[in-house]
C-alpha atoms as a PDB file:
ATOM      1  CA  MET A   1       0.025   0.138  -0.054  1.00  0.00           C
ATOM      2  CA  THR A   2       2.044   2.460  -1.363  1.00  0.00           C
ATOM      3  CA  ARG A   3       3.533   2.242   1.994  1.00  0.00           C
ATOM      4  CA  ARG A   4      -0.302   2.320   2.511  1.00  0.00           C
ATOM      5  CA  PHE A   5      -0.386  -1.119   0.716  1.00  0.00           C
ATOM      6  CA  ARG A   6       3.018  -2.492   1.219  1.00  0.00           C
ATOM      7  CA  ASP A   7       2.182  -2.377   4.651  1.00  0.00           C
ATOM      8  CA  LEU A   8      -1.786  -1.716   4.471  1.00  0.00           C
ATOM      9  CA  ALA A   9      -1.648  -4.235   5.820  1.00  0.00           C
ATOM     10  CA  PRO A  10       1.304  -4.640   6.432  1.00  0.00           C
ATOM     11  CA  ARG A  11       1.518  -1.840   6.737  1.00  0.00           C
ATOM     12  CA  LEU A  12      -0.372  -0.135   9.993  1.00  0.00           C
ATOM     13  CA  LEU A  13      -0.610  -0.790  13.812  1.00  0.00           C
ATOM     14  CA  PRO A  14       2.337  -0.945  16.543  1.00  0.00           C
ATOM     15  CA  VAL A  15       1.061  -4.314  16.496  1.00  0.00           C
ATOM     16  CA  LEU A  16       1.209  -4.987  13.077  1.00  0.00           C
ATOM     17  CA  ALA A  17       4.874  -4.318  12.504  1.00  0.00           C
ATOM     18  CA  LEU A  18       6.836  -5.100   9.226  1.00  0.00           C
ATOM     19  CA  GLY A  19      10.431  -6.819   8.707  1.00  0.00           C
ATOM     20  CA  ALA A  20      12.264  -9.575   7.403  1.00  0.00           C
ATOM     21  CA  LEU A  21      14.533 -12.797   7.595  1.00  0.00           C
ATOM     22  CA  LEU A  22      16.635 -12.720   4.135  1.00  0.00           C
ATOM     23  CA  ALA A  23      19.675 -14.416   2.600  1.00  0.00           C
ATOM     24  CA  THR A  24      21.614 -13.066  -0.112  1.00  0.00           C
ATOM     25  CA  SER A  25      22.013 -14.930  -3.015  1.00  0.00           C
ATOM     26  CA  PRO A  26      24.805 -15.110  -5.696  1.00  0.00           C
ATOM     27  CA  ALA A  27      22.560 -16.213  -8.494  1.00  0.00           C
ATOM     28  CA  ALA A  28      22.534 -12.848 -10.085  1.00  0.00           C
ATOM     29  CA  ALA A  29      25.789 -11.079 -11.366  1.00  0.00           C
ATOM     30  CA  GLN A  30      26.124  -7.659  -9.942  1.00  0.00           C
ATOM     31  CA  ASP A  31      27.186  -6.263 -13.041  1.00  0.00           C
ATOM     32  CA  ASP A  32      23.486  -7.883 -14.495  1.00  0.00           C
ATOM     33  CA  LEU A  33      21.631  -5.920 -12.015  1.00  0.00           C
ATOM     34  CA  PRO A  34      18.834  -3.515 -12.906  1.00  0.00           C
ATOM     35  CA  THR A  35      18.970  -0.182 -11.243  1.00  0.00           C
ATOM     36  CA  ALA A  36      16.559   0.614  -8.147  1.00  0.00           C
ATOM     37  CA  ARG A  37      14.453   2.772 -10.082  1.00  0.00           C
ATOM     38  CA  GLU A  38      14.049   0.056 -12.864  1.00  0.00           C
ATOM     39  CA  VAL A  39      12.854  -2.247 -10.227  1.00  0.00           C
ATOM     40  CA  VAL A  40      10.142  -0.222  -8.597  1.00  0.00           C
ATOM     41  CA  ASP A  41       9.055   0.952 -11.866  1.00  0.00           C
ATOM     42  CA  ARG A  42       8.458  -2.623 -12.968  1.00  0.00           C
ATOM     43  CA  PHE A  43       6.497  -3.324  -9.694  1.00  0.00           C
ATOM     44  CA  VAL A  44       4.392  -0.191 -10.452  1.00  0.00           C
ATOM     45  CA  GLU A  45       3.463  -1.368 -13.850  1.00  0.00           C
ATOM     46  CA  ALA A  46       2.801  -5.039 -12.611  1.00  0.00           C
ATOM     47  CA  VAL A  47       0.080  -3.436 -10.215  1.00  0.00           C
ATOM     48  CA  ASP A  48      -0.936  -1.257 -12.786  1.00  0.00           C
ATOM     49  CA  GLY A  49       0.212   2.034 -10.861  1.00  0.00           C
ATOM     50  CA  GLU A  50      -1.747   4.280 -13.639  1.00  0.00           C
ATOM     51  CA  LYS A  51      -5.048   2.980 -12.439  1.00  0.00           C
ATOM     52  CA  LEU A  52      -4.017   3.342  -8.694  1.00  0.00           C
ATOM     53  CA  ALA A  53      -3.083   6.967  -9.429  1.00  0.00           C
ATOM     54  CA  GLU A  54      -6.548   7.852 -10.429  1.00  0.00           C
ATOM     55  CA  LYS A  55      -7.998   6.542  -7.072  1.00  0.00           C
ATOM     56  CA  GLU A  56      -8.322   8.937  -4.257  1.00  0.00           C
ATOM     57  CA  SER A  57      -9.772   6.714  -1.566  1.00  0.00           C
ATOM     58  CA  MET A  58      -9.671   2.997  -0.613  1.00  0.00           C
ATOM     59  CA  THR A  59     -11.340   1.087   2.045  1.00  0.00           C
ATOM     60  CA  THR A  60     -10.228  -2.690   2.599  1.00  0.00           C
ATOM     61  CA  ARG A  61     -11.794  -5.390   4.815  1.00  0.00           C
ATOM     62  CA  GLY A  62     -10.374  -8.509   5.966  1.00  0.00           C
ATOM     63  CA  THR A  63      -9.254 -10.203   9.281  1.00  0.00           C
ATOM     64  CA  PHE A  64      -6.252 -10.032  11.622  1.00  0.00           C
ATOM     65  CA  ALA A  65      -4.903 -12.946  13.593  1.00  0.00           C
ATOM     66  CA  ILE A  66      -2.385 -14.191  15.957  1.00  0.00           C
ATOM     67  CA  PRO A  67      -2.555 -17.919  15.258  1.00  0.00           C
ATOM     68  CA  ALA A  68      -0.481 -18.816  18.160  1.00  0.00           C
ATOM     69  CA  GLN A  69      -2.964 -17.363  20.424  1.00  0.00           C
ATOM     70  CA  GLY A  70      -6.036 -18.207  18.956  1.00  0.00           C
ATOM     71  CA  MET A  71      -6.831 -14.684  18.255  1.00  0.00           C
ATOM     72  CA  GLN A  72      -8.641 -13.165  15.262  1.00  0.00           C
ATOM     73  CA  GLY A  73     -10.648 -10.027  14.326  1.00  0.00           C
ATOM     74  CA  ALA A  74     -12.301  -8.036  11.818  1.00  0.00           C
ATOM     75  CA  MET A  75     -10.137  -5.414  10.231  1.00  0.00           C
ATOM     76  CA  VAL A  76     -11.127  -2.253   8.462  1.00  0.00           C
ATOM     77  CA  ALA A  77      -8.538  -0.197   6.886  1.00  0.00           C
ATOM     78  CA  ARG A  78      -9.454   3.277   5.408  1.00  0.00           C
ATOM     79  CA  ALA A  79      -7.065   5.666   3.389  1.00  0.00           C
ATOM     80  CA  LYS A  80      -7.359   8.709   1.638  1.00  0.00           C
ATOM     81  CA  ALA A  81      -5.256  11.205  -0.584  1.00  0.00           C
ATOM     82  CA  PRO A  82      -3.148  12.794   0.281  1.00  0.00           C
ATOM     83  CA  ASP A  83      -2.340  11.287   3.673  1.00  0.00           C
ATOM     84  CA  GLN A  84      -5.576  10.616   5.777  1.00  0.00           C
ATOM     85  CA  MET A  85      -5.614   6.840   7.384  1.00  0.00           C
ATOM     86  CA  MET A  86      -7.790   5.082   9.878  1.00  0.00           C
ATOM     87  CA  VAL A  87      -7.333   1.368  10.827  1.00  0.00           C
ATOM     88  CA  GLU A  88      -9.754  -0.546  13.244  1.00  0.00           C
ATOM     89  CA  ILE A  89      -9.241  -4.057  14.330  1.00  0.00           C
ATOM     90  CA  GLU A  90     -12.217  -5.734  16.615  1.00  0.00           C
ATOM     91  CA  ILE A  91     -10.961  -8.613  18.635  1.00  0.00           C
ATOM     92  CA  PRO A  92     -13.550 -10.681  20.523  1.00  0.00           C
ATOM     93  CA  GLY A  93     -12.452 -10.693  24.280  1.00  0.00           C
ATOM     94  CA  TYR A  94     -10.021  -7.950  24.013  1.00  0.00           C
ATOM     95  CA  GLY A  95     -11.682  -4.802  22.361  1.00  0.00           C
ATOM     96  CA  THR A  96     -11.137  -2.422  19.631  1.00  0.00           C
ATOM     97  CA  VAL A  97      -7.778  -1.391  18.499  1.00  0.00           C
ATOM     98  CA  ARG A  98      -7.604   1.819  16.001  1.00  0.00           C
ATOM     99  CA  GLN A  99      -4.907   3.972  14.775  1.00  0.00           C
ATOM    100  CA  GLY A 100      -4.734   6.704  12.349  1.00  0.00           C
ATOM    101  CA  TYR A 101      -3.034   9.804  10.836  1.00  0.00           C
ATOM    102  CA  LEU A 102      -4.657  13.103  10.254  1.00  0.00           C
ATOM    103  CA  ASP A 103      -2.989  16.882   9.548  1.00  0.00           C
ATOM    104  CA  GLY A 104       0.427  15.650  11.344  1.00  0.00           C
ATOM    105  CA  VAL A 105      -1.194  13.680  14.102  1.00  0.00           C
ATOM    106  CA  ALA A 106      -0.590  10.020  14.275  1.00  0.00           C
ATOM    107  CA  TRP A 107      -2.366   8.410  17.216  1.00  0.00           C
ATOM    108  CA  ALA A 108      -3.217   4.980  18.379  1.00  0.00           C
ATOM    109  CA  ILE A 109      -6.106   3.438  20.792  1.00  0.00           C
ATOM    110  CA  ASP A 110      -5.770   0.469  22.524  1.00  0.00           C
ATOM    111  CA  PRO A 111      -7.620  -1.523  25.091  1.00  0.00           C
ATOM    112  CA  ALA A 112      -4.701  -2.259  27.144  1.00  0.00           C
ATOM    113  CA  THR A 113      -2.689   0.729  26.913  1.00  0.00           C
ATOM    114  CA  GLY A 114      -5.304   3.547  26.296  1.00  0.00           C
ATOM    115  CA  ALA A 115      -4.855   6.493  23.965  1.00  0.00           C
ATOM    116  CA  GLN A 116      -1.386   7.657  22.569  1.00  0.00           C
ATOM    117  CA  VAL A 117      -0.185  10.572  20.336  1.00  0.00           C
ATOM    118  CA  MET A 118       2.853   9.479  18.572  1.00  0.00           C
ATOM    119  CA  THR A 119       6.189  11.493  18.333  1.00  0.00           C
ATOM    120  CA  GLY A 120       9.670  11.333  17.080  1.00  0.00           C
ATOM    121  CA  LYS A 121      10.258   8.259  14.661  1.00  0.00           C
ATOM    122  CA  ALA A 122       6.823   6.681  15.320  1.00  0.00           C
ATOM    123  CA  LEU A 123       5.002   9.669  14.208  1.00  0.00           C
ATOM    124  CA  ALA A 124       7.465   9.883  11.100  1.00  0.00           C
ATOM    125  CA  GLN A 125       6.886   6.362  10.447  1.00  0.00           C
ATOM    126  CA  THR A 126       3.004   6.439  10.526  1.00  0.00           C
ATOM    127  CA  ALA A 127       2.941   9.613   8.353  1.00  0.00           C
ATOM    128  CA  ASP A 128       5.172   7.545   5.621  1.00  0.00           C
ATOM    129  CA  GLN A 129       2.673   4.515   6.018  1.00  0.00           C
ATOM    130  CA  ALA A 130      -0.363   7.325   5.524  1.00  0.00           C
ATOM    131  CA  ASP A 131       1.004   8.392   2.176  1.00  0.00           C
ATOM    132  CA  PHE A 132      -1.768   7.571  -0.297  1.00  0.00           C
ATOM    133  CA  ASP A 133       0.723   7.690  -3.055  1.00  0.00           C
ATOM    134  CA  ALA A 134       3.552   5.668  -1.470  1.00  0.00           C
ATOM    135  CA  MET A 135       2.968   2.380  -3.526  1.00  0.00           C
ATOM    136  CA  LEU A 136       4.026   4.483  -6.588  1.00  0.00           C
ATOM    137  CA  TYR A 137       7.395   5.097  -5.406  1.00  0.00           C
ATOM    138  CA  LYS A 138       7.416   8.574  -6.654  1.00  0.00           C
ATOM    139  CA  ASP A 139      10.797  10.518  -6.302  1.00  0.00           C
ATOM    140  CA  GLU A 140       9.614  13.071  -4.095  1.00  0.00           C
ATOM    141  CA  ASP A 141       8.703  10.534  -1.301  1.00  0.00           C
ATOM    142  CA  TYR A 142      11.782   9.286  -0.828  1.00  0.00           C
ATOM    143  CA  ALA A 143      15.136  10.302   0.135  1.00  0.00           C
ATOM    144  CA  SER A 144      16.826   7.437  -1.770  1.00  0.00           C
ATOM    145  CA  LEU A 145      16.270   4.101  -3.562  1.00  0.00           C
ATOM    146  CA  THR A 146      19.662   1.934  -3.759  1.00  0.00           C
ATOM    147  CA  MET A 147      20.216  -1.403  -5.312  1.00  0.00           C
ATOM    148  CA  VAL A 148      21.593  -3.562  -2.803  1.00  0.00           C
ATOM    149  CA  GLY A 149      21.791  -6.897  -4.810  1.00  0.00           C
ATOM    150  CA  ALA A 150      20.298  -9.959  -5.686  1.00  0.00           C
ATOM    151  CA  ALA A 151      18.856 -11.845  -2.698  1.00  0.00           C
ATOM    152  CA  ASP A 152      16.873 -14.848  -1.512  1.00  0.00           C
ATOM    153  CA  PHE A 153      13.471 -13.863   0.077  1.00  0.00           C
ATOM    154  CA  GLN A 154      11.972 -16.732   2.037  1.00  0.00           C
ATOM    155  CA  GLY A 155      12.831 -19.106  -1.145  1.00  0.00           C
ATOM    156  CA  THR A 156      11.677 -16.290  -3.820  1.00  0.00           C
ATOM    157  CA  PRO A 157      14.676 -14.994  -5.769  1.00  0.00           C
ATOM    158  CA  ALA A 158      14.378 -11.133  -5.586  1.00  0.00           C
ATOM    159  CA  TYR A 159      16.114  -8.014  -5.969  1.00  0.00           C
ATOM    160  CA  GLN A 160      16.949  -6.225  -2.669  1.00  0.00           C
ATOM    161  CA  ILE A 161      16.295  -2.292  -2.462  1.00  0.00           C
ATOM    162  CA  GLU A 162      17.205  -0.175   0.236  1.00  0.00           C
ATOM    163  CA  VAL A 163      14.439   2.563   0.808  1.00  0.00           C
ATOM    164  CA  VAL A 164      14.903   5.481   2.716  1.00  0.00           C
ATOM    165  CA  SER A 165      11.553   7.631   3.105  1.00  0.00           C
ATOM    166  CA  ASP A 166      11.914  11.273   2.979  1.00  0.00           C
ATOM    167  CA  ALA A 167      11.334  11.270   6.819  1.00  0.00           C
ATOM    168  CA  GLY A 168      14.468   9.177   7.037  1.00  0.00           C
ATOM    169  CA  ILE A 169      12.966   5.832   8.077  1.00  0.00           C
ATOM    170  CA  THR A 170      15.133   3.387   6.467  1.00  0.00           C
ATOM    171  CA  ALA A 171      13.644  -0.326   5.363  1.00  0.00           C
ATOM    172  CA  GLN A 172      14.632  -3.066   2.921  1.00  0.00           C
ATOM    173  CA  HIS A 173      12.110  -4.241  -0.006  1.00  0.00           C
ATOM    174  CA  TYR A 174      12.205  -7.251  -1.709  1.00  0.00           C
ATOM    175  CA  PHE A 175      11.096  -7.634  -5.260  1.00  0.00           C
ATOM    176  CA  SER A 176      10.312 -10.861  -7.043  1.00  0.00           C
ATOM    177  CA  ARG A 177      12.739 -11.164 -10.118  1.00  0.00           C
ATOM    178  CA  GLU A 178      10.126 -13.101 -11.810  1.00  0.00           C
ATOM    179  CA  THR A 179       7.087 -11.161 -11.333  1.00  0.00           C
ATOM    180  CA  GLY A 180       8.242  -7.701 -10.211  1.00  0.00           C
ATOM    181  CA  LEU A 181       6.019  -7.812  -7.162  1.00  0.00           C
ATOM    182  CA  LEU A 182       6.728  -6.750  -3.877  1.00  0.00           C
ATOM    183  CA  VAL A 183       7.436 -10.131  -1.790  1.00  0.00           C
ATOM    184  CA  GLY A 184       8.790  -8.656   1.424  1.00  0.00           C
ATOM    185  CA  MET A 185      10.021  -6.164   3.607  1.00  0.00           C
ATOM    186  CA  GLU A 186      12.624  -5.756   6.437  1.00  0.00           C
ATOM    187  CA  SER A 187      12.552  -2.720   8.939  1.00  0.00           C
ATOM    188  CA  GLU A 188      12.436  -1.458  12.510  1.00  0.00           C
ATOM    189  CA  GLN A 189       8.953  -0.721  13.656  1.00  0.00           C
ATOM    190  CA  HIS A 190       9.292   2.393  16.049  1.00  0.00           C
ATOM    191  CA  THR A 191       7.247   2.254  19.047  1.00  0.00           C
ATOM    192  CA  PRO A 192       6.739   3.806  22.611  1.00  0.00           C
ATOM    193  CA  MET A 193       8.671   0.750  23.576  1.00  0.00           C
ATOM    194  CA  GLY A 194      11.400   1.234  21.304  1.00  0.00           C
ATOM    195  CA  ALA A 195      12.727   0.091  17.429  1.00  0.00           C
ATOM    196  CA  ILE A 196      11.320  -3.618  16.987  1.00  0.00           C
ATOM    197  CA  PRO A 197      12.875  -5.448  13.920  1.00  0.00           C
ATOM    198  CA  THR A 198      10.288  -7.188  12.138  1.00  0.00           C
ATOM    199  CA  THR A 199       9.127  -9.298   9.228  1.00  0.00           C
ATOM    200  CA  SER A 200       6.707  -9.052   6.640  1.00  0.00           C
ATOM    201  CA  ALA A 201       5.985 -11.634   3.801  1.00  0.00           C
ATOM    202  CA  ILE A 202       3.341 -11.142   1.366  1.00  0.00           C
ATOM    203  CA  LYS A 203       1.922 -14.107   0.081  1.00  0.00           C
ATOM    204  CA  GLU A 204      -1.029 -13.539  -2.037  1.00  0.00           C
ATOM    205  CA  TYR A 205      -2.248 -10.610  -4.472  1.00  0.00           C
ATOM    206  CA  GLN A 206      -5.642 -10.211  -5.668  1.00  0.00           C
ATOM    207  CA  GLU A 207      -7.041  -7.810  -8.484  1.00  0.00           C
ATOM    208  CA  PHE A 208      -9.451  -5.043  -7.514  1.00  0.00           C
ATOM    209  CA  ASP A 209     -10.836  -2.669 -10.273  1.00  0.00           C
ATOM    210  CA  GLY A 210      -7.677  -3.727 -12.358  1.00  0.00           C
ATOM    211  CA  ILE A 211      -5.263  -2.966  -9.586  1.00  0.00           C
ATOM    212  CA  LYS A 212      -3.025  -5.747  -7.806  1.00  0.00           C
ATOM    213  CA  ILE A 213      -3.490  -5.522  -4.076  1.00  0.00           C
ATOM    214  CA  ALA A 214      -1.813  -7.679  -1.630  1.00  0.00           C
ATOM    215  CA  THR A 215      -4.241  -9.541   0.256  1.00  0.00           C
ATOM    216  CA  ARG A 216      -2.371 -11.805   2.386  1.00  0.00           C
ATOM    217  CA  THR A 217       0.739 -10.748   4.508  1.00  0.00           C
ATOM    218  CA  GLU A 218       2.392 -12.642   7.015  1.00  0.00           C
ATOM    219  CA  GLN A 219       4.299 -10.720  10.048  1.00  0.00           C
ATOM    220  CA  SER A 220       6.534 -11.698  12.605  1.00  0.00           C
ATOM    221  CA  MET A 221       7.807  -9.578  15.503  1.00  0.00           C
ATOM    222  CA  MET A 222       9.657 -10.638  18.499  1.00  0.00           C
ATOM    223  CA  GLY A 223       9.017 -14.657  17.621  1.00  0.00           C
ATOM    224  CA  MET A 224       5.098 -13.899  17.105  1.00  0.00           C
ATOM    225  CA  GLN A 225       3.205 -14.416  13.611  1.00  0.00           C
ATOM    226  CA  GLN A 226       0.467 -12.049  12.756  1.00  0.00           C
ATOM    227  CA  VAL A 227      -1.611 -12.923   9.741  1.00  0.00           C
ATOM    228  CA  ILE A 228      -3.587 -10.204   7.682  1.00  0.00           C
ATOM    229  CA  THR A 229      -5.751 -11.014   5.067  1.00  0.00           C
ATOM    230  CA  PHE A 230      -7.966  -8.686   2.719  1.00  0.00           C
ATOM    231  CA  ASP A 231     -11.149  -9.937   0.999  1.00  0.00           C
ATOM    232  CA  SER A 232     -12.568  -6.953  -0.107  1.00  0.00           C
ATOM    233  CA  VAL A 233     -11.197  -3.561  -1.561  1.00  0.00           C
ATOM    234  CA  SER A 234     -13.301  -0.562  -2.501  1.00  0.00           C
ATOM    235  CA  PHE A 235     -12.578   2.936  -4.200  1.00  0.00           C
ATOM    236  CA  GLU A 236     -15.616   4.245  -3.093  1.00  0.00           C
ATOM    237  CA  PRO A 237     -15.125   7.951  -2.005  1.00  0.00           C
ATOM    238  CA  ILE A 238     -14.884   8.219   2.072  1.00  0.00           C
ATOM    239  CA  ASP A 239     -16.310  11.404   4.181  1.00  0.00           C
ATOM    240  CA  ASP A 240     -13.326  13.303   5.777  1.00  0.00           C
ATOM    241  CA  ALA A 241     -15.320  13.067   9.044  1.00  0.00           C
ATOM    242  CA  VAL A 242     -14.358   9.275   9.231  1.00  0.00           C
ATOM    243  CA  PHE A 243     -10.736  10.610   9.916  1.00  0.00           C
ATOM    244  CA  ALA A 244     -11.697  12.787  12.596  1.00  0.00           C
ATOM    245  CA  LEU A 245      -9.741  12.532  15.642  1.00  0.00           C
ATOM    246  CA  PRO A 246     -11.234  10.721  18.406  1.00  0.00           C
ATOM    247  CA  ALA A 247     -12.267  12.954  21.702  1.00  0.00           C
ATOM    248  CA  GLU A 248      -9.582  11.238  23.681  1.00  0.00           C
ATOM    249  CA  ILE A 249      -6.901  11.761  20.846  1.00  0.00           C
ATOM    250  CA  GLN A 250      -8.079  15.440  20.629  1.00  0.00           C
ATOM    251  CA  ALA A 251      -7.613  15.681  24.131  1.00  0.00           C
ATOM    252  CA  LEU A 252      -4.398  15.031  24.045  1.00  0.00           C
ATOM    253  CA  THR A 253      -3.368  17.424  21.555  1.00  0.00           C
ATOM    254  CA  ASP A 254      -5.164  20.040  23.199  1.00  0.00           C
ATOM    255  CA  ASP A 255      -3.082  19.265  26.395  1.00  0.00           C
ATOM    256  CA  THR A 256       0.160  19.175  24.390  1.00  0.00           C
ATOM    257  CA  GLY A 257      -0.908  22.415  22.938  1.00  0.00           C
ATOM    258  CA  ALA A 258      -1.594  24.109  26.178  1.00  0.00           C
ATOM    259  CA  GLU A 259       1.820  23.181  27.500  1.00  0.00           C
END
């Protein structure tokens, strides 16, 4: 998604962190490597980025699960250009987890930790994820895109690209040499507890309105696997009110401003 899609799924709550376990492969000679721009342009073409660029809103619905704990809940992720985002996960027996971004405010509400307004790298990372056009890999959204080399990502021959966002967040993105699609990422998830190495492996893509969207992502963080699946994607308009700051978050921002 788009930092959106890469990790719309992957891409959105502190509990939904991204990353990868990788081993470099000597299969492709370094002299034969494409440039980083050629790799990401091939990806944009593979998902039909021209059609995506015409969209202004997206709603995805599916499930979020932690198999080892027998936990599963309904997930809805909404995004609107240029950078509005809202994610909600309803987990039976736990409650509703929410995260969003609006007008420079990144926030999260969790039944266990309450309401939080993010700062520092956590704020920058959420802003990156909320960028509606991030999946298009536009030059203005990134400080740099660098070809690292040929790699093997969980059994898939891939090209490894080091991505540094305009906010200074670094990640490794892996693109299938065969299909051109993004198959995984390695990064650190920035949370109030610190930076946590994480893994994201994209297992499936499906086509919605002519655009290929990642529909199954398996993530691991601190030894725990999380699975995000999407079964529906809509590009219908979304009212701005959907992204309004919840009262608990508005109160926190008011308190910060008063200080």
